[in-house]
Amino acid sequence: MTELPHAATARPLLLVDDDATFLRVLARALGSRGFEVITATNFDEARALTRRHNPRYCVLDLKLGEENGLRLIPELHALVPDLRVLLLTGYASIATAVEAIKRGAHDYLAKPVDADAVVRALLDGDNDSDDSDPPDAPEQPLALRRLEWEHIQRVLTECDGNISETARRLGMHRRTLQRKLSKHPVRERPDREE
């Protein structure tokens, strides 16, 4: 278990996710690691709790029903400028990670994720200077299916998560886009030595 500095328990951690089971399990796990966890399932609750509790940390899901968590990051920073935001998503992509950092997230993790990884991401750099650089580009070229996934994610981010607008810009039917988005991202497999 990761040791928390005293400063981590000085202010609450806001956990925002619309999956009730995931929210409950992660809240319990983070609570056992010394955080005072407050939970929200939507934008309105997140804003209200941020105003009321002035949290030091926020763990935010990318997809909150029809809403896109990326849009909430600047709003939360306007309420609490020194808030450390960790964005979680089941649909990881380079474009989304870069956009999350641009909008003020301090880190980005792909689900499934364990509580220790969340704690490390939240506390990493707490004492360092705040030089948030976008993730490095991969060294090897990406597979064609992965490139398609990255392109879809970039356009979806540009459209603030609007599926219809994204489909229009990509020149594909909305249902085709939804089918592609419902699949997990293409994983890169390391070359095996034969």
N, C-alpha and C. Protein backbone atom coordinates (compact mmCIF):
# COMPACT_ATOMS: atom_id res chain seq x y z
N MET A 1 0.85 -1.18 0.00
CA MET A 1 0.00 0.00 0.00
C MET A 1 0.89 1.24 0.00
N THR A 2 0.51 2.27 -0.75
CA THR A 2 1.26 3.49 -0.86
C THR A 2 1.06 4.35 0.39
N GLU A 3 2.16 4.87 0.93
CA GLU A 3 2.06 5.76 2.08
C GLU A 3 1.64 7.14 1.61
N LEU A 4 0.67 7.73 2.30
CA LEU A 4 0.20 9.06 1.93
C LEU A 4 0.87 10.10 2.80
N PRO A 5 1.34 11.20 2.20
CA PRO A 5 1.84 12.30 3.02
C PRO A 5 0.67 12.94 3.77
N HIS A 6 0.96 13.61 4.86
CA HIS A 6 -0.09 14.23 5.68
C HIS A 6 -0.96 15.17 4.84
N ALA A 7 -0.36 15.87 3.87
CA ALA A 7 -1.11 16.84 3.05
C ALA A 7 -2.23 16.17 2.26
N ALA A 8 -2.09 14.87 1.95
CA ALA A 8 -3.11 14.19 1.15
C ALA A 8 -4.42 14.07 1.90
N THR A 9 -4.39 14.04 3.21
CA THR A 9 -5.61 13.88 3.98
C THR A 9 -6.16 15.22 4.46
N ALA A 10 -5.48 16.31 4.14
CA ALA A 10 -5.92 17.62 4.62
C ALA A 10 -7.22 18.08 3.95
N ARG A 11 -7.45 17.69 2.69
CA ARG A 11 -8.66 18.05 1.96
C ARG A 11 -9.22 16.83 1.27
N PRO A 12 -10.51 16.82 1.00
CA PRO A 12 -11.14 15.62 0.41
C PRO A 12 -10.72 15.35 -1.03
N LEU A 13 -11.05 14.14 -1.45
CA LEU A 13 -10.87 13.71 -2.82
C LEU A 13 -12.26 13.55 -3.41
N LEU A 14 -12.51 14.19 -4.54
CA LEU A 14 -13.78 14.08 -5.25
C LEU A 14 -13.66 12.96 -6.28
N LEU A 15 -14.54 11.98 -6.19
CA LEU A 15 -14.57 10.85 -7.12
C LEU A 15 -15.85 10.97 -7.94
N VAL A 16 -15.71 11.11 -9.28
CA VAL A 16 -16.86 11.34 -10.15
C VAL A 16 -16.94 10.22 -11.19
N ASP A 17 -17.99 9.39 -11.09
CA ASP A 17 -18.20 8.29 -12.03
C ASP A 17 -19.67 7.92 -11.99
N ASP A 18 -20.26 7.57 -13.14
CA ASP A 18 -21.68 7.21 -13.17
C ASP A 18 -21.91 5.72 -12.99
N ASP A 19 -20.86 4.93 -12.83
CA ASP A 19 -20.98 3.50 -12.56
C ASP A 19 -21.00 3.31 -11.04
N ALA A 20 -22.19 3.04 -10.49
CA ALA A 20 -22.37 2.98 -9.03
C ALA A 20 -21.47 1.95 -8.37
N THR A 21 -21.30 0.80 -8.98
CA THR A 21 -20.46 -0.25 -8.39
C THR A 21 -19.00 0.17 -8.37
N PHE A 22 -18.49 0.66 -9.49
CA PHE A 22 -17.11 1.12 -9.57
C PHE A 22 -16.88 2.26 -8.58
N LEU A 23 -17.83 3.19 -8.50
CA LEU A 23 -17.73 4.33 -7.60
C LEU A 23 -17.61 3.86 -6.15
N ARG A 24 -18.47 2.93 -5.77
CA ARG A 24 -18.47 2.42 -4.38
C ARG A 24 -17.17 1.69 -4.06
N VAL A 25 -16.71 0.83 -4.96
CA VAL A 25 -15.51 0.04 -4.72
C VAL A 25 -14.27 0.93 -4.65
N LEU A 26 -14.13 1.85 -5.61
CA LEU A 26 -12.95 2.73 -5.60
C LEU A 26 -12.99 3.69 -4.42
N ALA A 27 -14.16 4.19 -4.07
CA ALA A 27 -14.28 5.09 -2.91
C ALA A 27 -13.82 4.38 -1.64
N ARG A 28 -14.25 3.14 -1.47
CA ARG A 28 -13.86 2.37 -0.29
C ARG A 28 -12.34 2.14 -0.28
N ALA A 29 -11.79 1.77 -1.44
CA ALA A 29 -10.35 1.49 -1.53
C ALA A 29 -9.52 2.75 -1.26
N LEU A 30 -9.95 3.89 -1.80
CA LEU A 30 -9.21 5.13 -1.57
C LEU A 30 -9.37 5.61 -0.13
N GLY A 31 -10.55 5.39 0.45
CA GLY A 31 -10.77 5.72 1.85
C GLY A 31 -9.84 4.93 2.76
N SER A 32 -9.63 3.66 2.43
CA SER A 32 -8.74 2.83 3.24
C SER A 32 -7.28 3.24 3.08
N ARG A 33 -7.00 4.05 2.07
CA ARG A 33 -5.63 4.53 1.84
C ARG A 33 -5.44 5.96 2.36
N GLY A 34 -6.39 6.43 3.17
CA GLY A 34 -6.21 7.69 3.86
C GLY A 34 -6.90 8.90 3.27
N PHE A 35 -7.61 8.73 2.17
CA PHE A 35 -8.31 9.86 1.58
C PHE A 35 -9.71 10.01 2.19
N GLU A 36 -10.15 11.24 2.30
CA GLU A 36 -11.55 11.53 2.67
C GLU A 36 -12.29 11.66 1.35
N VAL A 37 -13.04 10.62 0.96
CA VAL A 37 -13.63 10.54 -0.37
C VAL A 37 -15.07 11.04 -0.36
N ILE A 38 -15.37 11.94 -1.30
CA ILE A 38 -16.74 12.36 -1.56
C ILE A 38 -17.06 11.95 -2.99
N THR A 39 -18.28 11.51 -3.25
CA THR A 39 -18.60 10.97 -4.57
C THR A 39 -19.71 11.74 -5.26
N ALA A 40 -19.61 11.76 -6.58
CA ALA A 40 -20.62 12.37 -7.43
C ALA A 40 -20.83 11.47 -8.64
N THR A 41 -22.05 11.50 -9.20
CA THR A 41 -22.34 10.67 -10.37
C THR A 41 -22.61 11.49 -11.63
N ASN A 42 -22.60 12.83 -11.50
CA ASN A 42 -22.86 13.67 -12.67
C ASN A 42 -22.22 15.04 -12.51
N PHE A 43 -22.30 15.86 -13.54
CA PHE A 43 -21.67 17.19 -13.55
C PHE A 43 -22.20 18.08 -12.42
N ASP A 44 -23.54 18.13 -12.26
CA ASP A 44 -24.12 19.02 -11.25
C ASP A 44 -23.66 18.68 -9.85
N GLU A 45 -23.67 17.39 -9.50
CA GLU A 45 -23.19 16.97 -8.18
C GLU A 45 -21.71 17.31 -8.02
N ALA A 46 -20.92 17.08 -9.06
CA ALA A 46 -19.48 17.35 -8.99
C ALA A 46 -19.21 18.83 -8.73
N ARG A 47 -19.93 19.70 -9.45
CA ARG A 47 -19.76 21.15 -9.24
C ARG A 47 -20.14 21.54 -7.81
N ALA A 48 -21.30 21.07 -7.35
CA ALA A 48 -21.80 21.42 -6.02
C ALA A 48 -20.84 20.94 -4.93
N LEU A 49 -20.36 19.71 -5.04
CA LEU A 49 -19.44 19.17 -4.03
C LEU A 49 -18.09 19.88 -4.07
N THR A 50 -17.65 20.28 -5.26
CA THR A 50 -16.39 21.02 -5.37
C THR A 50 -16.52 22.36 -4.67
N ARG A 51 -17.64 23.06 -4.88
CA ARG A 51 -17.86 24.34 -4.20
C ARG A 51 -17.89 24.15 -2.68
N ARG A 52 -18.57 23.12 -2.23
CA ARG A 52 -18.78 22.90 -0.80
C ARG A 52 -17.53 22.41 -0.08
N HIS A 53 -16.77 21.49 -0.71
CA HIS A 53 -15.68 20.82 0.01
C HIS A 53 -14.28 21.27 -0.39
N ASN A 54 -14.14 22.01 -1.51
CA ASN A 54 -12.84 22.49 -1.94
C ASN A 54 -11.80 21.36 -1.96
N PRO A 55 -12.06 20.28 -2.73
CA PRO A 55 -11.17 19.11 -2.69
C PRO A 55 -9.77 19.41 -3.22
N ARG A 56 -8.82 18.62 -2.78
CA ARG A 56 -7.44 18.73 -3.25
C ARG A 56 -7.23 17.86 -4.50
N TYR A 57 -7.99 16.75 -4.56
CA TYR A 57 -7.85 15.78 -5.64
C TYR A 57 -9.21 15.48 -6.26
N CYS A 58 -9.17 15.10 -7.55
CA CYS A 58 -10.39 14.66 -8.24
C CYS A 58 -10.04 13.50 -9.15
N VAL A 59 -10.80 12.42 -9.05
CA VAL A 59 -10.69 11.30 -9.97
C VAL A 59 -11.98 11.33 -10.80
N LEU A 60 -11.84 11.58 -12.09
CA LEU A 60 -12.97 11.87 -12.96
C LEU A 60 -13.04 10.88 -14.12
N ASP A 61 -14.21 10.31 -14.34
CA ASP A 61 -14.41 9.40 -15.47
C ASP A 61 -14.63 10.21 -16.74
N LEU A 62 -14.11 9.73 -17.86
CA LEU A 62 -14.28 10.43 -19.13
C LEU A 62 -15.74 10.43 -19.58
N LYS A 63 -16.41 9.29 -19.44
CA LYS A 63 -17.80 9.19 -19.89
C LYS A 63 -18.73 9.20 -18.69
N LEU A 64 -19.55 10.23 -18.59
CA LEU A 64 -20.55 10.36 -17.52
C LEU A 64 -21.92 10.42 -18.19
N GLY A 65 -22.48 9.25 -18.50
CA GLY A 65 -23.74 9.22 -19.25
C GLY A 65 -23.49 9.79 -20.63
N GLU A 66 -24.25 10.81 -20.98
CA GLU A 66 -24.08 11.48 -22.27
C GLU A 66 -23.03 12.59 -22.21
N GLU A 67 -22.53 12.90 -21.03
CA GLU A 67 -21.56 13.98 -20.85
C GLU A 67 -20.13 13.47 -21.06
N ASN A 68 -19.24 14.40 -21.39
CA ASN A 68 -17.82 14.10 -21.58
C ASN A 68 -17.06 14.76 -20.43
N GLY A 69 -16.37 13.95 -19.63
CA GLY A 69 -15.63 14.46 -18.48
C GLY A 69 -14.59 15.51 -18.82
N LEU A 70 -14.10 15.51 -20.06
CA LEU A 70 -13.12 16.53 -20.46
C LEU A 70 -13.69 17.94 -20.28
N ARG A 71 -14.99 18.09 -20.54
CA ARG A 71 -15.62 19.41 -20.43
C ARG A 71 -15.70 19.89 -18.99
N LEU A 72 -15.68 18.97 -18.03
CA LEU A 72 -15.81 19.33 -16.63
C LEU A 72 -14.48 19.81 -16.03
N ILE A 73 -13.36 19.37 -16.59
CA ILE A 73 -12.05 19.70 -16.00
C ILE A 73 -11.84 21.21 -15.84
N PRO A 74 -12.02 22.04 -16.89
CA PRO A 74 -11.80 23.48 -16.71
C PRO A 74 -12.77 24.11 -15.69
N GLU A 75 -14.00 23.59 -15.64
CA GLU A 75 -14.98 24.12 -14.68
C GLU A 75 -14.53 23.85 -13.25
N LEU A 76 -14.03 22.65 -13.01
CA LEU A 76 -13.56 22.32 -11.66
C LEU A 76 -12.34 23.15 -11.30
N HIS A 77 -11.45 23.37 -12.26
CA HIS A 77 -10.27 24.21 -12.01
C HIS A 77 -10.66 25.67 -11.74
N ALA A 78 -11.73 26.14 -12.36
CA ALA A 78 -12.20 27.50 -12.08
C ALA A 78 -12.67 27.61 -10.64
N LEU A 79 -13.23 26.53 -10.10
CA LEU A 79 -13.71 26.53 -8.72
C LEU A 79 -12.57 26.31 -7.72
N VAL A 80 -11.63 25.43 -8.05
CA VAL A 80 -10.49 25.12 -7.18
C VAL A 80 -9.24 25.06 -8.07
N PRO A 81 -8.53 26.20 -8.21
CA PRO A 81 -7.41 26.27 -9.14
C PRO A 81 -6.30 25.25 -8.91
N ASP A 82 -6.04 24.84 -7.67
CA ASP A 82 -4.95 23.89 -7.42
C ASP A 82 -5.43 22.44 -7.37
N LEU A 83 -6.63 22.16 -7.86
CA LEU A 83 -7.19 20.80 -7.87
C LEU A 83 -6.35 19.91 -8.79
N ARG A 84 -5.95 18.75 -8.30
CA ARG A 84 -5.22 17.76 -9.12
C ARG A 84 -6.24 16.78 -9.67
N VAL A 85 -6.39 16.77 -10.99
CA VAL A 85 -7.40 15.95 -11.64
C VAL A 85 -6.75 14.75 -12.32
N LEU A 86 -7.29 13.58 -12.03
CA LEU A 86 -6.89 12.33 -12.69
C LEU A 86 -8.08 11.87 -13.52
N LEU A 87 -7.90 11.75 -14.82
CA LEU A 87 -8.97 11.31 -15.71
C LEU A 87 -8.86 9.81 -15.93
N LEU A 88 -9.99 9.10 -15.76
CA LEU A 88 -10.05 7.66 -16.00
C LEU A 88 -10.94 7.39 -17.21
N THR A 89 -10.57 6.39 -18.00
CA THR A 89 -11.42 6.02 -19.12
C THR A 89 -11.23 4.57 -19.51
N GLY A 90 -12.30 3.98 -19.98
CA GLY A 90 -12.23 2.64 -20.55
C GLY A 90 -11.86 2.67 -22.01
N TYR A 91 -11.77 3.87 -22.60
CA TYR A 91 -11.49 4.04 -24.02
C TYR A 91 -10.25 4.89 -24.20
N ALA A 92 -9.12 4.37 -23.79
CA ALA A 92 -7.88 5.14 -23.82
C ALA A 92 -7.42 5.40 -25.24
N SER A 93 -6.95 6.62 -25.47
CA SER A 93 -6.36 6.97 -26.75
C SER A 93 -5.37 8.11 -26.52
N ILE A 94 -4.41 8.22 -27.40
CA ILE A 94 -3.42 9.29 -27.30
C ILE A 94 -4.10 10.64 -27.42
N ALA A 95 -5.04 10.79 -28.35
CA ALA A 95 -5.73 12.07 -28.55
C ALA A 95 -6.46 12.51 -27.29
N THR A 96 -7.14 11.58 -26.64
CA THR A 96 -7.88 11.93 -25.42
C THR A 96 -6.91 12.28 -24.30
N ALA A 97 -5.81 11.55 -24.19
CA ALA A 97 -4.82 11.85 -23.15
C ALA A 97 -4.25 13.25 -23.35
N VAL A 98 -3.90 13.58 -24.57
CA VAL A 98 -3.35 14.91 -24.86
C VAL A 98 -4.38 15.99 -24.55
N GLU A 99 -5.63 15.77 -24.96
CA GLU A 99 -6.68 16.75 -24.70
C GLU A 99 -6.93 16.90 -23.20
N ALA A 100 -6.88 15.81 -22.45
CA ALA A 100 -7.07 15.87 -21.00
C ALA A 100 -6.00 16.74 -20.35
N ILE A 101 -4.75 16.55 -20.77
CA ILE A 101 -3.64 17.34 -20.23
C ILE A 101 -3.81 18.81 -20.61
N LYS A 102 -4.19 19.07 -21.85
CA LYS A 102 -4.40 20.46 -22.30
C LYS A 102 -5.48 21.15 -21.47
N ARG A 103 -6.51 20.40 -21.10
CA ARG A 103 -7.62 20.99 -20.34
C ARG A 103 -7.35 21.08 -18.85
N GLY A 104 -6.21 20.55 -18.40
CA GLY A 104 -5.84 20.73 -17.00
C GLY A 104 -5.76 19.49 -16.16
N ALA A 105 -5.95 18.30 -16.75
CA ALA A 105 -5.78 17.07 -15.97
C ALA A 105 -4.29 16.90 -15.69
N HIS A 106 -3.97 16.35 -14.53
CA HIS A 106 -2.58 16.11 -14.17
C HIS A 106 -2.11 14.75 -14.63
N ASP A 107 -3.05 13.83 -14.81
CA ASP A 107 -2.69 12.49 -15.26
C ASP A 107 -3.92 11.84 -15.87
N TYR A 108 -3.70 10.67 -16.46
CA TYR A 108 -4.71 9.99 -17.24
C TYR A 108 -4.44 8.49 -17.13
N LEU A 109 -5.43 7.71 -16.72
CA LEU A 109 -5.27 6.26 -16.61
C LEU A 109 -6.40 5.55 -17.34
N ALA A 110 -6.06 4.42 -17.95
CA ALA A 110 -7.06 3.59 -18.62
C ALA A 110 -7.63 2.58 -17.64
N LYS A 111 -8.96 2.39 -17.68
CA LYS A 111 -9.60 1.35 -16.89
C LYS A 111 -9.37 0.01 -17.57
N PRO A 112 -9.35 -1.08 -16.85
CA PRO A 112 -9.51 -1.17 -15.41
C PRO A 112 -8.25 -0.68 -14.70
N VAL A 113 -8.45 -0.12 -13.52
CA VAL A 113 -7.35 0.46 -12.77
C VAL A 113 -7.51 0.07 -11.30
N ASP A 114 -6.39 -0.10 -10.61
CA ASP A 114 -6.50 -0.43 -9.19
C ASP A 114 -6.23 0.82 -8.36
N ALA A 115 -6.62 0.77 -7.10
CA ALA A 115 -6.53 1.94 -6.22
C ALA A 115 -5.09 2.40 -6.03
N ASP A 116 -4.13 1.48 -5.99
CA ASP A 116 -2.73 1.88 -5.80
C ASP A 116 -2.24 2.71 -6.99
N ALA A 117 -2.65 2.33 -8.21
CA ALA A 117 -2.27 3.10 -9.39
C ALA A 117 -2.89 4.49 -9.34
N VAL A 118 -4.13 4.58 -8.87
CA VAL A 118 -4.80 5.88 -8.73
C VAL A 118 -4.05 6.75 -7.72
N VAL A 119 -3.67 6.17 -6.58
CA VAL A 119 -2.95 6.93 -5.55
C VAL A 119 -1.61 7.41 -6.09
N ARG A 120 -0.87 6.53 -6.77
CA ARG A 120 0.42 6.93 -7.34
C ARG A 120 0.23 8.09 -8.32
N ALA A 121 -0.78 7.99 -9.18
CA ALA A 121 -1.01 9.05 -10.17
C ALA A 121 -1.41 10.37 -9.50
N LEU A 122 -2.20 10.28 -8.44
CA LEU A 122 -2.62 11.50 -7.74
C LEU A 122 -1.47 12.17 -7.02
N LEU A 123 -0.62 11.38 -6.39
CA LEU A 123 0.44 11.94 -5.56
C LEU A 123 1.73 12.18 -6.31
N ASP A 124 1.91 11.54 -7.47
CA ASP A 124 3.12 11.72 -8.25
C ASP A 124 3.25 13.18 -8.66
N GLY A 125 4.35 13.76 -8.33
CA GLY A 125 4.57 15.15 -8.70
C GLY A 125 3.97 16.14 -7.74
N ASP A 126 3.40 15.68 -6.62
CA ASP A 126 2.85 16.61 -5.64
C ASP A 126 3.91 17.58 -5.13
N ASN A 127 5.14 17.10 -5.07
CA ASN A 127 6.22 17.96 -4.59
C ASN A 127 7.11 18.45 -5.73
N ASP A 128 6.80 18.04 -6.95
CA ASP A 128 7.59 18.45 -8.11
C ASP A 128 7.03 19.73 -8.69
N SER A 129 7.79 20.33 -9.62
CA SER A 129 7.25 21.49 -10.33
C SER A 129 6.13 21.00 -11.24
N ASP A 130 5.23 21.86 -11.59
CA ASP A 130 4.03 21.47 -12.34
C ASP A 130 4.26 21.61 -13.84
N ASP A 131 5.12 20.76 -14.39
CA ASP A 131 5.39 20.77 -15.83
C ASP A 131 4.67 19.61 -16.46
N SER A 132 3.40 19.81 -16.79
CA SER A 132 2.59 18.74 -17.37
C SER A 132 2.77 18.73 -18.88
N ASP A 133 3.52 17.73 -19.35
CA ASP A 133 3.72 17.58 -20.78
C ASP A 133 2.80 16.49 -21.29
N PRO A 134 2.32 16.61 -22.52
CA PRO A 134 1.51 15.54 -23.07
C PRO A 134 2.33 14.26 -23.15
N PRO A 135 1.67 13.10 -23.19
CA PRO A 135 2.39 11.84 -23.27
C PRO A 135 3.26 11.79 -24.51
N ASP A 136 4.37 11.07 -24.41
CA ASP A 136 5.27 10.92 -25.55
C ASP A 136 4.62 10.08 -26.63
N ALA A 137 4.97 10.36 -27.85
CA ALA A 137 4.46 9.57 -28.97
C ALA A 137 5.13 8.20 -28.95
N PRO A 138 4.45 7.19 -29.42
CA PRO A 138 5.05 5.86 -29.44
C PRO A 138 6.24 5.81 -30.38
N GLU A 139 7.20 4.94 -30.06
CA GLU A 139 8.41 4.85 -30.88
C GLU A 139 8.16 4.06 -32.14
N GLN A 140 7.32 3.01 -32.08
CA GLN A 140 7.03 2.20 -33.25
C GLN A 140 5.76 2.70 -33.91
N PRO A 141 5.65 2.54 -35.24
CA PRO A 141 4.41 2.95 -35.90
C PRO A 141 3.23 2.14 -35.37
N LEU A 142 2.07 2.79 -35.32
CA LEU A 142 0.86 2.12 -34.82
C LEU A 142 0.22 1.28 -35.93
N ALA A 143 -0.45 0.22 -35.51
CA ALA A 143 -1.18 -0.62 -36.46
C ALA A 143 -2.32 0.19 -37.07
N LEU A 144 -2.77 -0.21 -38.25
CA LEU A 144 -3.82 0.52 -38.96
C LEU A 144 -5.09 0.65 -38.12
N ARG A 145 -5.53 -0.44 -37.48
CA ARG A 145 -6.74 -0.38 -36.65
C ARG A 145 -6.54 0.59 -35.48
N ARG A 146 -5.35 0.61 -34.91
CA ARG A 146 -5.07 1.53 -33.79
C ARG A 146 -5.07 2.97 -34.30
N LEU A 147 -4.52 3.21 -35.48
CA LEU A 147 -4.54 4.56 -36.06
C LEU A 147 -5.97 5.03 -36.28
N GLU A 148 -6.83 4.13 -36.77
CA GLU A 148 -8.24 4.49 -36.95
C GLU A 148 -8.85 4.86 -35.61
N TRP A 149 -8.59 4.05 -34.57
CA TRP A 149 -9.11 4.33 -33.23
C TRP A 149 -8.65 5.70 -32.74
N GLU A 150 -7.37 6.01 -32.91
CA GLU A 150 -6.81 7.29 -32.47
C GLU A 150 -7.48 8.45 -33.22
N HIS A 151 -7.68 8.28 -34.53
CA HIS A 151 -8.30 9.32 -35.33
C HIS A 151 -9.75 9.56 -34.88
N ILE A 152 -10.50 8.49 -34.66
CA ILE A 152 -11.88 8.61 -34.18
C ILE A 152 -11.90 9.34 -32.84
N GLN A 153 -10.99 8.96 -31.94
CA GLN A 153 -10.95 9.59 -30.62
C GLN A 153 -10.61 11.08 -30.73
N ARG A 154 -9.70 11.43 -31.63
CA ARG A 154 -9.33 12.84 -31.80
C ARG A 154 -10.53 13.66 -32.30
N VAL A 155 -11.23 13.13 -33.29
CA VAL A 155 -12.39 13.84 -33.83
C VAL A 155 -13.50 13.91 -32.78
N LEU A 156 -13.72 12.82 -32.04
CA LEU A 156 -14.72 12.81 -30.98
C LEU A 156 -14.40 13.86 -29.92
N THR A 157 -13.14 13.99 -29.58
CA THR A 157 -12.71 15.01 -28.62
C THR A 157 -12.96 16.41 -29.17
N GLU A 158 -12.64 16.62 -30.44
CA GLU A 158 -12.87 17.93 -31.07
C GLU A 158 -14.35 18.29 -31.08
N CYS A 159 -15.22 17.27 -31.11
CA CYS A 159 -16.67 17.48 -31.14
C CYS A 159 -17.28 17.42 -29.74
N ASP A 160 -16.45 17.50 -28.71
CA ASP A 160 -16.91 17.45 -27.31
C ASP A 160 -17.79 16.25 -27.03
N GLY A 161 -17.45 15.10 -27.63
CA GLY A 161 -18.17 13.87 -27.36
C GLY A 161 -19.48 13.71 -28.11
N ASN A 162 -19.81 14.62 -29.02
CA ASN A 162 -21.05 14.55 -29.78
C ASN A 162 -20.91 13.49 -30.88
N ILE A 163 -21.63 12.39 -30.72
CA ILE A 163 -21.53 11.25 -31.64
C ILE A 163 -22.00 11.62 -33.04
N SER A 164 -23.13 12.32 -33.14
CA SER A 164 -23.67 12.67 -34.47
C SER A 164 -22.72 13.56 -35.24
N GLU A 165 -22.17 14.58 -34.59
CA GLU A 165 -21.23 15.48 -35.25
C GLU A 165 -19.95 14.75 -35.64
N THR A 166 -19.48 13.88 -34.75
CA THR A 166 -18.27 13.09 -35.04
C THR A 166 -18.50 12.21 -36.27
N ALA A 167 -19.65 11.53 -36.32
CA ALA A 167 -19.96 10.66 -37.46
C ALA A 167 -20.02 11.48 -38.75
N ARG A 168 -20.63 12.66 -38.67
CA ARG A 168 -20.71 13.53 -39.86
C ARG A 168 -19.31 13.91 -40.34
N ARG A 169 -18.44 14.32 -39.41
CA ARG A 169 -17.08 14.72 -39.80
C ARG A 169 -16.26 13.57 -40.34
N LEU A 170 -16.51 12.36 -39.83
CA LEU A 170 -15.76 11.19 -40.28
C LEU A 170 -16.35 10.58 -41.55
N GLY A 171 -17.56 11.05 -41.93
CA GLY A 171 -18.20 10.53 -43.13
C GLY A 171 -18.69 9.09 -42.97
N MET A 172 -19.16 8.77 -41.76
CA MET A 172 -19.69 7.43 -41.54
C MET A 172 -21.05 7.52 -40.86
N HIS A 173 -21.79 6.44 -40.95
CA HIS A 173 -23.09 6.39 -40.32
C HIS A 173 -22.93 6.40 -38.80
N ARG A 174 -23.86 7.03 -38.12
CA ARG A 174 -23.81 7.14 -36.65
C ARG A 174 -23.74 5.77 -35.98
N ARG A 175 -24.52 4.80 -36.48
CA ARG A 175 -24.51 3.45 -35.89
C ARG A 175 -23.16 2.75 -36.08
N THR A 176 -22.53 3.00 -37.23
CA THR A 176 -21.21 2.42 -37.47
C THR A 176 -20.21 2.98 -36.47
N LEU A 177 -20.28 4.29 -36.25
CA LEU A 177 -19.39 4.92 -35.28
C LEU A 177 -19.65 4.37 -33.87
N GLN A 178 -20.90 4.24 -33.50
CA GLN A 178 -21.23 3.71 -32.17
C GLN A 178 -20.71 2.29 -32.01
N ARG A 179 -20.81 1.49 -33.07
CA ARG A 179 -20.28 0.12 -33.01
C ARG A 179 -18.77 0.14 -32.78
N LYS A 180 -18.07 1.03 -33.50
CA LYS A 180 -16.62 1.13 -33.35
C LYS A 180 -16.25 1.60 -31.94
N LEU A 181 -17.03 2.53 -31.41
CA LEU A 181 -16.74 3.06 -30.07
C LEU A 181 -17.06 2.05 -28.97
N SER A 182 -17.99 1.14 -29.23
CA SER A 182 -18.36 0.17 -28.20
C SER A 182 -17.31 -0.91 -28.03
N LYS A 183 -16.45 -1.07 -29.02
CA LYS A 183 -15.36 -2.05 -28.93
C LYS A 183 -14.22 -1.43 -28.13
N HIS A 184 -13.51 -2.27 -27.43
CA HIS A 184 -12.35 -1.77 -26.70
C HIS A 184 -11.29 -1.37 -27.69
N PRO A 185 -10.44 -0.43 -27.32
CA PRO A 185 -9.41 0.01 -28.26
C PRO A 185 -8.48 -1.14 -28.63
N VAL A 186 -7.93 -1.03 -29.80
CA VAL A 186 -7.00 -2.04 -30.28
C VAL A 186 -5.73 -1.94 -29.44
N ARG A 187 -5.33 -3.05 -28.89
CA ARG A 187 -4.10 -3.06 -28.07
C ARG A 187 -2.91 -3.42 -28.96
N GLU A 188 -1.81 -2.76 -28.68
CA GLU A 188 -0.58 -3.07 -29.39
C GLU A 188 0.06 -4.28 -28.72
N ARG A 189 0.43 -5.27 -29.49
CA ARG A 189 1.09 -6.45 -28.93
C ARG A 189 2.58 -6.35 -29.19
N PRO A 190 3.37 -6.54 -28.14
CA PRO A 190 4.82 -6.52 -28.36
C PRO A 190 5.23 -7.69 -29.26
N ASP A 191 6.25 -7.45 -30.07
CA ASP A 191 6.74 -8.52 -30.93
C ASP A 191 7.30 -9.64 -30.07
N ARG A 192 6.92 -10.85 -30.43
CA ARG A 192 7.43 -12.02 -29.69
C ARG A 192 8.70 -12.51 -30.36
N GLU A 193 9.60 -12.96 -29.51
CA GLU A 193 10.82 -13.56 -30.05
C GLU A 193 10.52 -15.02 -30.31
N GLU A 194 10.76 -15.46 -31.50
CA GLU A 194 10.47 -16.85 -31.88
C GLU A 194 11.68 -17.71 -31.59
